[in-house]
Amino acid sequence: MAIGFGRKLIWIFALLLILVMTIQVRAQPPPGFINIDCGLKNVSAYQDPTLKMRYSSDDEFVEGGEKHEVLPEFMASTADDNQNTLRSFPDGSRNCYTLPSTPGKKYLLRAIFTYGNYDRLNKTQDGSLFRFGLYVGVNLWDTVDLSNWRTDDAVIKEVLTVATGSSVSVCLVNLGSGIPFISSLELRPLLDTMYPFVNTSVSVSNFIRLRFGNITDYITRYPTDSYDRFWASYSVQKGDLYQYPYISVDTSDNLENLPGNEFKVPSAILQNAMSIDTNNSSITVILASLANKDAKTLKLLPIFHFTELNGSNPNRRFNIYSAGEGLFPGFSPSRLKVDSLYKSGLFKQKGDAYFILNKTADSSLPPLINALEVYALVVMENLTTDSDDVKYMKDVKEQYNLVRTSWNGDPCSPIEYSWKGLTCDYSKSNQIPRIITVNLSSSGLGGGLAISFMNMTSLENLDLSHNNLTGAIPEYQLKSLKVLNLSNNKLDGPIPDSILQRVQAGLLDLRFGMLCCTISY
């Protein structure tokens, strides 16, 4: 009996352990989530009590900037703790966050901006322009415009993009109309099959993402959506009821994704829908251009999500129009099966978008809609600098502890924000920029000559004159180098044979000591 009882206890304990581990695992967000509370002070991280996610300080992801808190009277009105602090960037034209990524992986990036009158200047309410640029990598993602914006309201920006390297950057650009700042930054991995129109040449910013029906929460996100997309409720409610002639339709039945559906919309989002009274034949969804957004500059792609929730008589068929243009004729949603409709690559609708779902003559039921996503095209036309060049320049920056306001983000791209002292070659069509000149003259450099320079295979001109470099000149095997200026330093020892041979052959202009030298032997 004792042995049997002991085995039973062990079995029960093992079962409890499995249950505890399961609960703990389920409480954790999916791997790869990065949550950054920008400007976080006094602590390095904390657990968000609502989302059960860990938010970290931004110190390891960004250089420069100043930490601030929103004014106390706005802290209570911000929905999340991560909106109580922020980091501003009064110096430099471009400041970038660098987040780790997997090359070729698809991500959702979300940046949130809550001003909260942190500087006591009432910039969002003084009638002046208050806007700055937001870049994903080296390409314009959007403009953050807080002009005449409520002081405690958040501006939320999302982009779906593909990482081209081992890191992805989010950059704030000063446009001369207010100091850039950011409150929080979030990264969410997506499946490679999701949003198939997103690739290394095309990213998309979220114009709006809606769920329909009688929804209690204004925003639905993680854990309902395991990818933490924000779903806003499209409300035509009056009190607790949908306003006539619109009606809410819902089900608790499980839904099934049809083969080839690439969007992974959660069943909980689609178990509610909006329809219209049977005396009416059409639904119009109007998406007026968002506040502080220039509709003329946008090219939009709508994605419609449908599933039939009516069990007794699912004879429902309708035509779908975008701004009067036919998109999908005679569509009939499948019973408890998810259909997602979009026109691949068709970014054409302008920002003042509206969609009409019109009942066909042979349909016994009016239209319905469960969810809608609309994305704006982000063309990834600027190419990032050669990854090896970037690595070696960052090594140089670290070795010499260089602090330059312009040395932030990509060294060459976009060209208007390239690093001061560098010249880049953009001439080779469809090829990535290469660094051909590095001018660090009179930069206070000390110590030995950085080996990293020797590895930059496109470097033609290296000027390290008027510094405090010491030690010997290392062997230099770069065939691309044409000018090497080491004058007015404290270097000693023989000049390496590899350099002398190039000088003697007339392939390298070596400037060493106090004079520009032509050496003959």
Protein backbone atom coordinates (compact mmCIF):
# COMPACT_ATOMS: atom_id res chain seq x y z
CA MET A 1 0.00 0.00 0.00
CA ALA A 2 2.80 2.41 0.88
CA ILE A 3 4.47 1.90 -2.47
CA GLY A 4 1.25 2.34 -4.39
CA PHE A 5 0.36 5.45 -2.40
CA GLY A 6 3.80 6.89 -3.07
CA ARG A 7 3.50 6.29 -6.81
CA LYS A 8 0.10 7.92 -6.77
CA LEU A 9 1.55 10.99 -5.02
CA ILE A 10 4.36 11.17 -7.55
CA TRP A 11 1.86 10.91 -10.41
CA ILE A 12 -0.35 13.64 -8.90
CA PHE A 13 2.68 15.86 -8.26
CA ALA A 14 3.86 15.35 -11.84
CA LEU A 15 0.40 16.24 -13.16
CA LEU A 16 0.30 19.39 -11.01
CA LEU A 17 3.78 20.32 -12.22
CA ILE A 18 2.67 19.91 -15.85
CA LEU A 19 -0.40 22.08 -15.18
CA VAL A 20 1.70 24.76 -13.48
CA MET A 21 4.22 24.73 -16.32
CA THR A 22 1.40 24.97 -18.87
CA ILE A 23 -0.12 27.94 -17.06
CA GLN A 24 3.29 29.62 -16.86
CA VAL A 25 3.99 29.03 -20.54
CA ARG A 26 0.60 30.36 -21.56
CA ALA A 27 1.20 33.49 -19.47
CA GLN A 28 4.30 34.29 -21.46
CA PRO A 29 4.13 36.20 -24.77
CA PRO A 30 5.36 34.39 -27.89
CA PRO A 31 9.14 34.32 -28.39
CA GLY A 32 10.64 37.27 -30.19
CA PHE A 33 8.42 39.97 -28.68
CA ILE A 34 10.40 43.11 -27.81
CA ASN A 35 8.74 45.72 -25.59
CA ILE A 36 10.56 49.00 -24.99
CA ASP A 37 9.42 51.69 -22.58
CA CYS A 38 11.28 54.70 -23.94
CA GLY A 39 12.77 57.02 -21.34
CA LEU A 40 12.12 54.58 -18.48
CA LYS A 41 13.81 55.83 -15.31
CA ASN A 42 15.01 54.25 -12.06
CA VAL A 43 14.28 50.63 -13.10
CA SER A 44 15.57 48.55 -16.00
CA ALA A 45 12.33 46.58 -16.59
CA TYR A 46 8.88 45.84 -15.22
CA GLN A 47 5.90 43.55 -15.84
CA ASP A 48 2.89 45.18 -17.47
CA PRO A 49 -0.01 44.18 -15.19
CA THR A 50 -2.60 44.06 -17.98
CA LEU A 51 -0.67 42.47 -20.83
CA LYS A 52 1.52 40.29 -18.57
CA MET A 53 4.47 41.34 -20.71
CA ARG A 54 7.88 42.56 -19.64
CA TYR A 55 8.78 46.10 -20.73
CA SER A 56 12.44 47.11 -20.74
CA SER A 57 14.34 50.36 -20.65
CA ASP A 58 15.48 51.68 -24.03
CA ASP A 59 19.07 52.32 -22.89
CA GLU A 60 20.55 49.37 -24.81
CA PHE A 61 18.69 50.17 -28.05
CA VAL A 62 19.52 53.85 -28.63
CA GLU A 63 22.26 56.44 -28.25
CA GLY A 64 21.66 59.99 -27.10
CA GLY A 65 18.39 61.66 -26.29
CA GLU A 66 16.90 62.83 -23.02
CA LYS A 67 14.57 61.00 -20.63
CA HIS A 68 11.34 62.69 -19.54
CA GLU A 69 8.04 62.00 -17.84
CA VAL A 70 4.64 63.31 -18.89
CA LEU A 71 3.19 65.80 -16.43
CA PRO A 72 1.50 64.19 -13.40
CA GLU A 73 -1.96 65.37 -14.41
CA PHE A 74 -1.71 63.33 -17.62
CA MET A 75 -0.34 60.12 -16.09
CA ALA A 76 -3.72 58.93 -14.86
CA SER A 77 -5.32 59.52 -18.27
CA THR A 78 -2.78 57.49 -20.23
CA ALA A 79 -4.08 53.96 -20.77
CA ASP A 80 -0.72 52.22 -20.22
CA ASP A 81 2.20 52.67 -17.85
CA ASN A 82 4.57 52.63 -20.84
CA GLN A 83 3.13 55.99 -21.95
CA ASN A 84 4.17 57.83 -18.79
CA THR A 85 7.77 58.26 -19.90
CA LEU A 86 9.41 59.21 -23.17
CA ARG A 87 12.75 59.98 -24.77
CA SER A 88 13.22 63.20 -26.72
CA PHE A 89 15.98 64.00 -29.22
CA PRO A 90 16.86 67.72 -29.23
CA ASP A 91 20.24 67.05 -30.90
CA GLY A 92 20.98 65.71 -34.36
CA SER A 93 18.82 65.51 -37.45
CA ARG A 94 18.33 61.73 -37.14
CA ASN A 95 18.28 59.45 -34.09
CA CYS A 96 17.73 55.70 -34.37
CA TYR A 97 16.73 52.73 -32.28
CA THR A 98 18.35 49.44 -33.27
CA LEU A 99 16.43 46.22 -32.52
CA PRO A 100 17.76 42.68 -33.06
CA SER A 101 16.12 40.75 -35.90
CA THR A 102 16.48 37.68 -38.08
CA PRO A 103 17.42 38.40 -41.73
CA GLY A 104 14.48 37.76 -44.04
CA LYS A 105 12.00 37.60 -41.15
CA LYS A 106 8.69 39.48 -41.31
CA TYR A 107 7.83 41.80 -38.42
CA LEU A 108 5.21 44.16 -37.08
CA LEU A 109 6.75 47.30 -35.61
CA ARG A 110 4.68 49.66 -33.49
CA ALA A 111 5.77 53.08 -32.25
CA ILE A 112 3.58 55.09 -29.85
CA PHE A 113 3.89 58.78 -29.06
CA THR A 114 2.20 60.44 -26.06
CA TYR A 115 3.28 64.05 -25.53
CA GLY A 116 1.76 64.69 -22.08
CA ASN A 117 3.21 68.23 -22.10
CA TYR A 118 6.49 66.80 -20.78
CA ASP A 119 8.38 70.02 -21.64
CA ARG A 120 5.63 72.33 -20.30
CA LEU A 121 5.51 74.15 -23.65
CA ASN A 122 2.00 72.99 -24.70
CA LYS A 123 3.39 72.26 -28.16
CA THR A 124 0.38 70.24 -29.29
CA GLN A 125 -2.02 73.07 -28.44
CA ASP A 126 -0.17 76.29 -29.30
CA GLY A 127 -1.31 76.40 -32.93
CA SER A 128 2.13 75.78 -34.44
CA LEU A 129 3.30 72.83 -36.50
CA PHE A 130 4.55 69.94 -34.41
CA ARG A 131 5.70 67.07 -36.58
CA PHE A 132 8.72 64.90 -37.29
CA GLY A 133 9.68 62.05 -39.60
CA LEU A 134 9.50 58.36 -38.77
CA TYR A 135 11.68 55.93 -40.72
CA VAL A 136 11.88 52.15 -40.82
CA GLY A 137 15.49 51.51 -41.67
CA VAL A 138 16.45 54.01 -44.36
CA ASN A 139 12.96 54.54 -45.79
CA LEU A 140 10.19 56.92 -44.77
CA TRP A 141 7.53 55.07 -42.81
CA ASP A 142 5.28 58.01 -41.91
CA THR A 143 5.16 61.51 -40.48
CA VAL A 144 4.22 61.91 -36.83
CA ASP A 145 2.00 65.00 -36.73
CA LEU A 146 0.91 66.20 -33.30
CA SER A 147 -0.26 69.65 -34.40
CA ASN A 148 -3.47 70.56 -32.54
CA TRP A 149 -3.50 67.09 -30.96
CA ARG A 150 -4.95 66.36 -27.52
CA THR A 151 -2.13 66.50 -25.00
CA ASP A 152 -2.85 63.10 -23.44
CA ASP A 153 -3.84 61.25 -26.62
CA ALA A 154 -1.43 58.74 -28.13
CA VAL A 155 -0.42 58.66 -31.78
CA ILE A 156 0.05 55.02 -32.83
CA LYS A 157 2.07 54.00 -35.89
CA GLU A 158 2.43 50.43 -37.16
CA VAL A 159 4.40 49.02 -40.06
CA LEU A 160 4.78 45.49 -41.45
CA THR A 161 8.26 45.00 -42.85
CA VAL A 162 10.94 42.44 -43.66
CA ALA A 163 14.29 42.64 -41.87
CA THR A 164 17.16 42.75 -44.35
CA GLY A 165 19.85 42.10 -41.73
CA SER A 166 20.51 41.09 -38.15
CA SER A 167 18.93 44.30 -36.89
CA VAL A 168 16.09 46.62 -37.85
CA SER A 169 16.17 50.32 -37.06
CA VAL A 170 13.46 52.84 -36.27
CA CYS A 171 14.60 56.43 -36.76
CA LEU A 172 13.15 59.78 -35.73
CA VAL A 173 14.02 62.68 -38.03
CA ASN A 174 13.88 66.34 -37.04
CA LEU A 175 11.96 68.29 -39.72
CA GLY A 176 12.41 71.66 -38.01
CA SER A 177 8.86 71.65 -36.62
CA GLY A 178 9.33 70.37 -33.08
CA ILE A 179 11.67 68.08 -31.16
CA PRO A 180 11.13 64.40 -31.99
CA PHE A 181 10.24 62.06 -29.13
CA ILE A 182 8.90 58.53 -28.61
CA SER A 183 7.05 56.86 -25.73
CA SER A 184 7.21 53.15 -26.55
CA LEU A 185 8.44 50.81 -29.26
CA GLU A 186 7.30 47.23 -29.86
CA LEU A 187 8.44 44.50 -32.25
CA ARG A 188 6.34 41.41 -33.08
CA PRO A 189 7.50 38.52 -35.31
CA LEU A 190 5.03 37.37 -37.97
CA LEU A 191 4.88 34.11 -39.89
CA ASP A 192 6.68 34.29 -43.22
CA THR A 193 3.44 33.32 -45.01
CA MET A 194 1.44 36.18 -43.52
CA TYR A 195 0.75 39.29 -45.61
CA PRO A 196 2.36 37.87 -48.76
CA PHE A 197 2.54 41.29 -50.47
CA VAL A 198 5.12 42.42 -47.86
CA ASN A 199 8.70 41.79 -48.99
CA THR A 200 12.12 43.46 -49.01
CA SER A 201 10.87 46.01 -51.57
CA VAL A 202 7.42 46.67 -50.09
CA SER A 203 6.45 47.45 -46.50
CA VAL A 204 2.99 48.61 -45.42
CA SER A 205 1.87 50.95 -42.66
CA ASN A 206 -1.38 50.34 -40.88
CA PHE A 207 -4.03 52.86 -41.96
CA ILE A 208 -6.74 51.21 -39.87
CA ARG A 209 -7.66 47.75 -38.54
CA LEU A 210 -11.28 47.18 -37.56
CA ARG A 211 -13.53 44.54 -36.08
CA PHE A 212 -17.30 44.78 -36.38
CA GLY A 213 -20.23 43.86 -34.17
CA ASN A 214 -21.27 44.59 -30.62
CA ILE A 215 -17.79 44.88 -29.08
CA THR A 216 -17.18 46.03 -25.51
CA ASP A 217 -13.49 46.96 -25.78
CA TYR A 218 -12.44 49.77 -28.08
CA ILE A 219 -9.09 48.05 -28.75
CA THR A 220 -8.55 44.28 -28.86
CA ARG A 221 -4.94 43.04 -28.87
CA TYR A 222 -2.75 40.37 -27.24
CA PRO A 223 -3.53 37.78 -25.92
CA THR A 224 -6.70 37.62 -28.07
CA ASP A 225 -4.46 38.18 -31.08
CA SER A 226 -1.25 36.18 -30.59
CA TYR A 227 0.56 38.56 -32.99
CA ASP A 228 -0.57 41.56 -30.90
CA ARG A 229 -2.27 43.43 -33.71
CA PHE A 230 -4.50 46.31 -32.57
CA TRP A 231 -8.14 45.78 -33.63
CA ALA A 232 -10.35 48.83 -33.11
CA SER A 233 -14.11 48.39 -32.80
CA TYR A 234 -16.20 49.97 -35.57
CA SER A 235 -19.03 51.26 -33.48
CA VAL A 236 -22.42 52.40 -34.69
CA GLN A 237 -23.82 51.83 -31.23
CA LYS A 238 -26.35 53.87 -29.30
CA GLY A 239 -26.07 52.90 -25.67
CA ASP A 240 -25.69 49.13 -25.60
CA LEU A 241 -27.48 48.54 -28.89
CA TYR A 242 -26.43 48.88 -32.50
CA GLN A 243 -28.05 51.91 -34.01
CA TYR A 244 -30.80 51.10 -36.54
CA PRO A 245 -30.66 49.95 -39.28
CA TYR A 246 -27.35 48.25 -38.38
CA ILE A 247 -27.46 45.02 -36.39
CA SER A 248 -24.87 42.92 -34.62
CA VAL A 249 -24.45 39.22 -35.42
CA ASP A 250 -22.37 36.87 -33.28
CA THR A 251 -21.61 33.22 -32.60
CA SER A 252 -19.67 31.17 -30.07
CA ASP A 253 -18.98 28.40 -32.60
CA ASN A 254 -15.42 27.63 -33.64
CA LEU A 255 -14.32 29.03 -36.99
CA GLU A 256 -12.12 27.41 -39.62
CA ASN A 257 -9.60 29.14 -41.86
CA LEU A 258 -9.95 28.18 -45.50
CA PRO A 259 -6.78 26.85 -47.19
CA GLY A 260 -4.44 29.61 -48.33
CA ASN A 261 -5.65 32.20 -45.83
CA GLU A 262 -2.48 34.11 -44.94
CA PHE A 263 -3.71 36.49 -42.26
CA LYS A 264 -4.34 34.36 -39.15
CA VAL A 265 -7.17 36.52 -37.85
CA PRO A 266 -8.25 35.09 -34.47
CA SER A 267 -11.67 33.45 -34.24
CA ALA A 268 -12.55 35.77 -31.35
CA ILE A 269 -12.23 38.74 -33.72
CA LEU A 270 -14.45 37.17 -36.38
CA GLN A 271 -17.15 35.68 -34.12
CA ASN A 272 -18.83 39.08 -34.25
CA ALA A 273 -20.05 40.86 -37.37
CA MET A 274 -22.07 43.83 -38.50
CA SER A 275 -25.05 43.44 -40.81
CA ILE A 276 -28.08 45.55 -41.64
CA ASP A 277 -31.86 45.22 -41.33
CA THR A 278 -33.43 43.07 -44.05
CA ASN A 279 -35.34 46.11 -45.34
CA ASN A 280 -31.97 47.50 -46.50
CA SER A 281 -29.66 46.20 -49.17
CA SER A 282 -26.23 47.75 -48.59
CA ILE A 283 -23.61 48.59 -45.97
CA THR A 284 -21.29 51.54 -46.43
CA VAL A 285 -18.07 51.67 -44.41
CA ILE A 286 -16.55 55.14 -44.49
CA LEU A 287 -12.95 55.57 -43.45
CA ALA A 288 -12.41 59.30 -43.43
CA SER A 289 -8.76 60.21 -43.69
CA LEU A 290 -7.15 60.06 -40.29
CA ALA A 291 -6.48 63.28 -38.45
CA ASN A 292 -3.29 65.07 -39.50
CA LYS A 293 -2.91 62.79 -42.53
CA ASP A 294 -2.60 63.94 -46.15
CA ALA A 295 -4.99 61.65 -48.00
CA LYS A 296 -3.56 62.55 -51.41
CA THR A 297 -0.20 60.96 -50.61
CA LEU A 298 -1.60 57.56 -49.64
CA LYS A 299 -2.03 54.41 -51.71
CA LEU A 300 -4.19 51.97 -49.81
CA LEU A 301 -4.86 48.25 -49.94
CA PRO A 302 -8.00 46.94 -48.19
CA ILE A 303 -8.27 43.37 -46.84
CA PHE A 304 -11.79 42.14 -46.03
CA HIS A 305 -12.38 39.30 -43.58
CA PHE A 306 -15.69 37.42 -43.69
CA THR A 307 -17.37 34.40 -42.21
CA GLU A 308 -21.08 33.53 -42.30
CA LEU A 309 -22.54 33.45 -38.80
CA ASN A 310 -26.18 32.78 -39.74
CA GLY A 311 -27.01 29.13 -39.19
CA SER A 312 -30.61 28.88 -40.34
CA ASN A 313 -30.47 30.45 -43.79
CA PRO A 314 -26.98 31.26 -45.04
CA ASN A 315 -28.14 32.51 -48.45
CA ARG A 316 -26.11 35.70 -48.45
CA ARG A 317 -24.43 37.16 -51.53
CA PHE A 318 -23.18 40.69 -52.20
CA ASN A 319 -20.92 42.84 -54.37
CA ILE A 320 -18.00 44.73 -52.86
CA TYR A 321 -17.05 48.18 -54.15
CA SER A 322 -14.18 50.50 -53.29
CA ALA A 323 -15.00 54.17 -53.93
CA GLY A 324 -17.49 53.09 -56.57
CA GLU A 325 -15.13 50.65 -58.32
CA GLY A 326 -16.06 46.98 -58.30
CA LEU A 327 -13.64 44.80 -56.35
CA PHE A 328 -15.38 41.46 -55.71
CA PRO A 329 -18.67 40.66 -57.47
CA GLY A 330 -21.18 38.13 -56.15
CA PHE A 331 -19.27 37.15 -53.03
CA SER A 332 -20.91 34.66 -50.65
CA PRO A 333 -19.23 34.10 -47.24
CA SER A 334 -18.77 30.49 -46.12
CA ARG A 335 -20.57 29.20 -43.07
CA LEU A 336 -18.13 29.36 -40.08
CA LYS A 337 -15.18 29.38 -42.49
CA VAL A 338 -12.94 32.43 -42.82
CA ASP A 339 -12.58 34.12 -46.23
CA SER A 340 -10.04 36.94 -46.61
CA LEU A 341 -10.30 39.02 -49.79
CA TYR A 342 -7.77 41.45 -51.23
CA LYS A 343 -6.36 42.43 -54.59
CA SER A 344 -2.68 41.52 -54.54
CA GLY A 345 -0.47 44.51 -55.27
CA LEU A 346 -3.43 46.82 -55.88
CA PHE A 347 -2.44 49.90 -53.86
CA LYS A 348 -4.64 52.55 -55.41
CA GLN A 349 -7.39 53.72 -53.05
CA LYS A 350 -6.74 57.21 -51.67
CA GLY A 351 -6.92 58.13 -47.99
CA ASP A 352 -10.57 59.19 -48.01
CA ALA A 353 -11.67 55.60 -48.48
CA TYR A 354 -15.16 54.17 -48.45
CA PHE A 355 -16.42 50.70 -49.21
CA ILE A 356 -19.90 49.54 -50.20
CA LEU A 357 -21.24 46.01 -49.70
CA ASN A 358 -24.35 45.71 -51.86
CA LYS A 359 -26.80 42.79 -51.75
CA THR A 360 -27.29 40.93 -55.06
CA ALA A 361 -30.74 40.33 -56.52
CA ASP A 362 -30.69 36.59 -55.75
CA SER A 363 -29.62 36.97 -52.10
CA SER A 364 -32.15 36.51 -49.31
CA LEU A 365 -29.93 38.17 -46.68
CA PRO A 366 -28.24 41.60 -46.62
CA PRO A 367 -24.42 41.90 -46.50
CA LEU A 368 -22.32 41.45 -43.39
CA ILE A 369 -18.70 42.20 -42.48
CA ASN A 370 -16.58 40.76 -39.68
CA ALA A 371 -13.25 42.60 -39.93
CA LEU A 372 -11.30 44.93 -42.20
CA GLU A 373 -7.64 45.86 -42.51
CA VAL A 374 -6.41 48.76 -44.63
CA TYR A 375 -2.71 49.32 -45.29
CA ALA A 376 -0.78 52.17 -46.91
CA LEU A 377 2.11 51.44 -49.25
CA VAL A 378 5.64 52.10 -47.98
CA VAL A 379 8.10 51.83 -50.85
CA MET A 380 11.51 50.57 -49.69
CA GLU A 381 13.40 52.40 -52.42
CA ASN A 382 16.50 53.42 -50.45
CA LEU A 383 19.09 50.69 -50.03
CA THR A 384 21.10 50.18 -46.86
CA THR A 385 24.88 50.51 -46.83
CA ASP A 386 26.97 47.39 -47.38
CA SER A 387 26.73 45.41 -44.14
CA ASP A 388 30.50 44.90 -43.85
CA ASP A 389 31.13 48.64 -44.27
CA VAL A 390 28.56 49.34 -41.56
CA LYS A 391 30.16 46.84 -39.19
CA TYR A 392 33.67 48.21 -39.67
CA MET A 393 32.56 51.83 -39.23
CA LYS A 394 30.76 50.88 -36.02
CA ASP A 395 33.95 49.15 -34.85
CA VAL A 396 35.89 52.36 -35.58
CA LYS A 397 33.28 54.41 -33.74
CA GLU A 398 33.55 52.15 -30.71
CA GLN A 399 37.36 51.89 -30.72
CA TYR A 400 37.85 55.66 -30.77
CA ASN A 401 34.76 56.41 -28.67
CA LEU A 402 33.54 58.81 -31.33
CA VAL A 403 30.52 60.90 -30.41
CA ARG A 404 29.03 62.66 -33.42
CA THR A 405 25.39 63.69 -33.68
CA SER A 406 25.25 62.72 -37.36
CA TRP A 407 26.74 59.25 -36.77
CA ASN A 408 23.40 57.61 -36.11
CA GLY A 409 21.55 55.08 -38.22
CA ASP A 410 22.81 53.94 -41.60
CA PRO A 411 26.13 55.58 -42.62
CA CYS A 412 25.16 56.32 -46.26
CA SER A 413 21.39 56.10 -46.62
CA PRO A 414 19.31 58.06 -47.17
CA ILE A 415 21.85 60.42 -48.66
CA GLU A 416 20.53 63.51 -46.86
CA TYR A 417 21.32 61.92 -43.49
CA SER A 418 24.67 60.30 -44.33
CA TRP A 419 27.40 60.47 -41.69
CA LYS A 420 29.56 63.60 -41.68
CA GLY A 421 33.09 62.81 -42.87
CA LEU A 422 32.04 59.93 -45.14
CA THR A 423 31.67 59.88 -48.91
CA CYS A 424 29.59 57.06 -50.34
CA ASP A 425 29.31 55.64 -53.84
CA TYR A 426 25.70 55.47 -55.06
CA SER A 427 26.51 55.24 -58.74
CA LYS A 428 26.16 51.51 -59.29
CA SER A 429 22.52 50.99 -60.21
CA ASN A 430 20.57 48.51 -58.04
CA GLN A 431 23.62 47.93 -55.84
CA ILE A 432 24.03 48.87 -52.22
CA PRO A 433 25.98 52.05 -51.28
CA ARG A 434 29.66 51.63 -50.45
CA ILE A 435 31.90 53.87 -48.36
CA ILE A 436 34.78 55.25 -50.46
CA THR A 437 36.08 58.11 -48.29
CA VAL A 438 36.57 58.39 -44.53
CA ASN A 439 37.76 61.78 -43.27
CA LEU A 440 38.48 61.81 -39.55
CA SER A 441 41.06 64.58 -39.65
CA SER A 442 41.33 66.55 -36.40
CA SER A 443 38.92 64.24 -34.60
CA GLY A 444 40.94 63.69 -31.42
CA LEU A 445 41.71 60.06 -32.25
CA GLY A 446 44.18 58.32 -29.94
CA GLY A 447 45.81 54.91 -29.75
CA GLY A 448 46.70 52.61 -32.61
CA LEU A 449 45.50 52.65 -36.18
CA ALA A 450 42.19 50.77 -36.37
CA ILE A 451 42.47 47.46 -38.20
CA SER A 452 38.84 47.84 -39.31
CA PHE A 453 39.88 50.35 -41.96
CA MET A 454 41.97 47.63 -43.58
CA ASN A 455 38.86 45.53 -44.22
CA MET A 456 36.79 48.11 -46.11
CA THR A 457 37.22 46.81 -49.64
CA SER A 458 35.80 49.88 -51.43
CA LEU A 459 37.71 52.49 -49.44
CA GLU A 460 39.69 54.85 -51.71
CA ASN A 461 40.58 57.80 -49.46
CA LEU A 462 41.43 57.59 -45.75
CA ASP A 463 42.32 60.83 -43.94
CA LEU A 464 43.42 60.39 -40.32
CA SER A 465 45.67 63.45 -40.19
CA HIS A 466 46.04 65.82 -37.23
CA ASN A 467 45.22 63.28 -34.54
CA ASN A 468 47.17 61.56 -31.74
CA LEU A 469 47.57 58.12 -33.28
CA THR A 470 50.52 56.12 -31.96
CA GLY A 471 52.36 52.91 -32.70
CA ALA A 472 53.29 51.25 -35.96
CA ILE A 473 51.43 51.32 -39.26
CA PRO A 474 49.92 47.86 -39.85
CA GLU A 475 50.14 45.97 -43.12
CA TYR A 476 47.58 47.37 -45.53
CA GLN A 477 46.45 45.02 -48.30
CA LEU A 478 43.59 47.09 -49.73
CA LYS A 479 43.96 47.46 -53.48
CA SER A 480 41.16 50.03 -53.59
CA LEU A 481 43.01 52.62 -51.48
CA LYS A 482 44.38 55.59 -53.45
CA VAL A 483 45.07 58.20 -50.73
CA LEU A 484 46.28 57.50 -47.18
CA ASN A 485 46.87 60.63 -45.08
CA LEU A 486 48.55 59.89 -41.74
CA SER A 487 50.35 63.23 -41.34
CA ASN A 488 50.62 65.05 -38.00
CA ASN A 489 50.27 62.00 -35.78
CA LYS A 490 52.72 60.20 -33.46
CA LEU A 491 53.13 57.01 -35.48
CA ASP A 492 56.51 55.30 -35.53
CA GLY A 493 58.25 52.27 -36.95
CA PRO A 494 58.89 51.26 -40.55
CA ILE A 495 56.33 51.70 -43.30
CA PRO A 496 55.08 48.22 -44.27
CA ASP A 497 56.25 46.75 -47.58
CA SER A 498 52.67 46.37 -48.84
CA ILE A 499 52.22 50.14 -48.62
CA LEU A 500 55.67 51.03 -50.00
CA GLN A 501 55.15 48.82 -53.06
CA ARG A 502 51.88 50.58 -53.90
CA VAL A 503 53.52 53.98 -53.39
CA GLN A 504 56.44 53.04 -55.67
CA ALA A 505 54.03 51.79 -58.33
CA GLY A 506 52.19 55.13 -58.27
CA LEU A 507 49.01 53.48 -57.00
CA LEU A 508 48.93 55.11 -53.56
CA ASP A 509 49.44 58.68 -52.39
CA LEU A 510 50.92 58.31 -48.90
CA ARG A 511 51.07 61.40 -46.69
CA PHE A 512 53.19 60.75 -43.64
CA GLY A 513 54.92 63.01 -41.10
CA MET A 514 54.67 66.76 -41.71
CA LEU A 515 54.79 66.75 -45.50
CA CYS A 516 53.06 65.18 -48.49
CA CYS A 517 55.71 62.79 -49.61
CA THR A 518 56.74 61.28 -52.90
CA ILE A 519 59.00 58.44 -51.89
CA SER A 520 61.56 56.99 -54.24
CA TYR A 521 63.93 54.14 -53.66
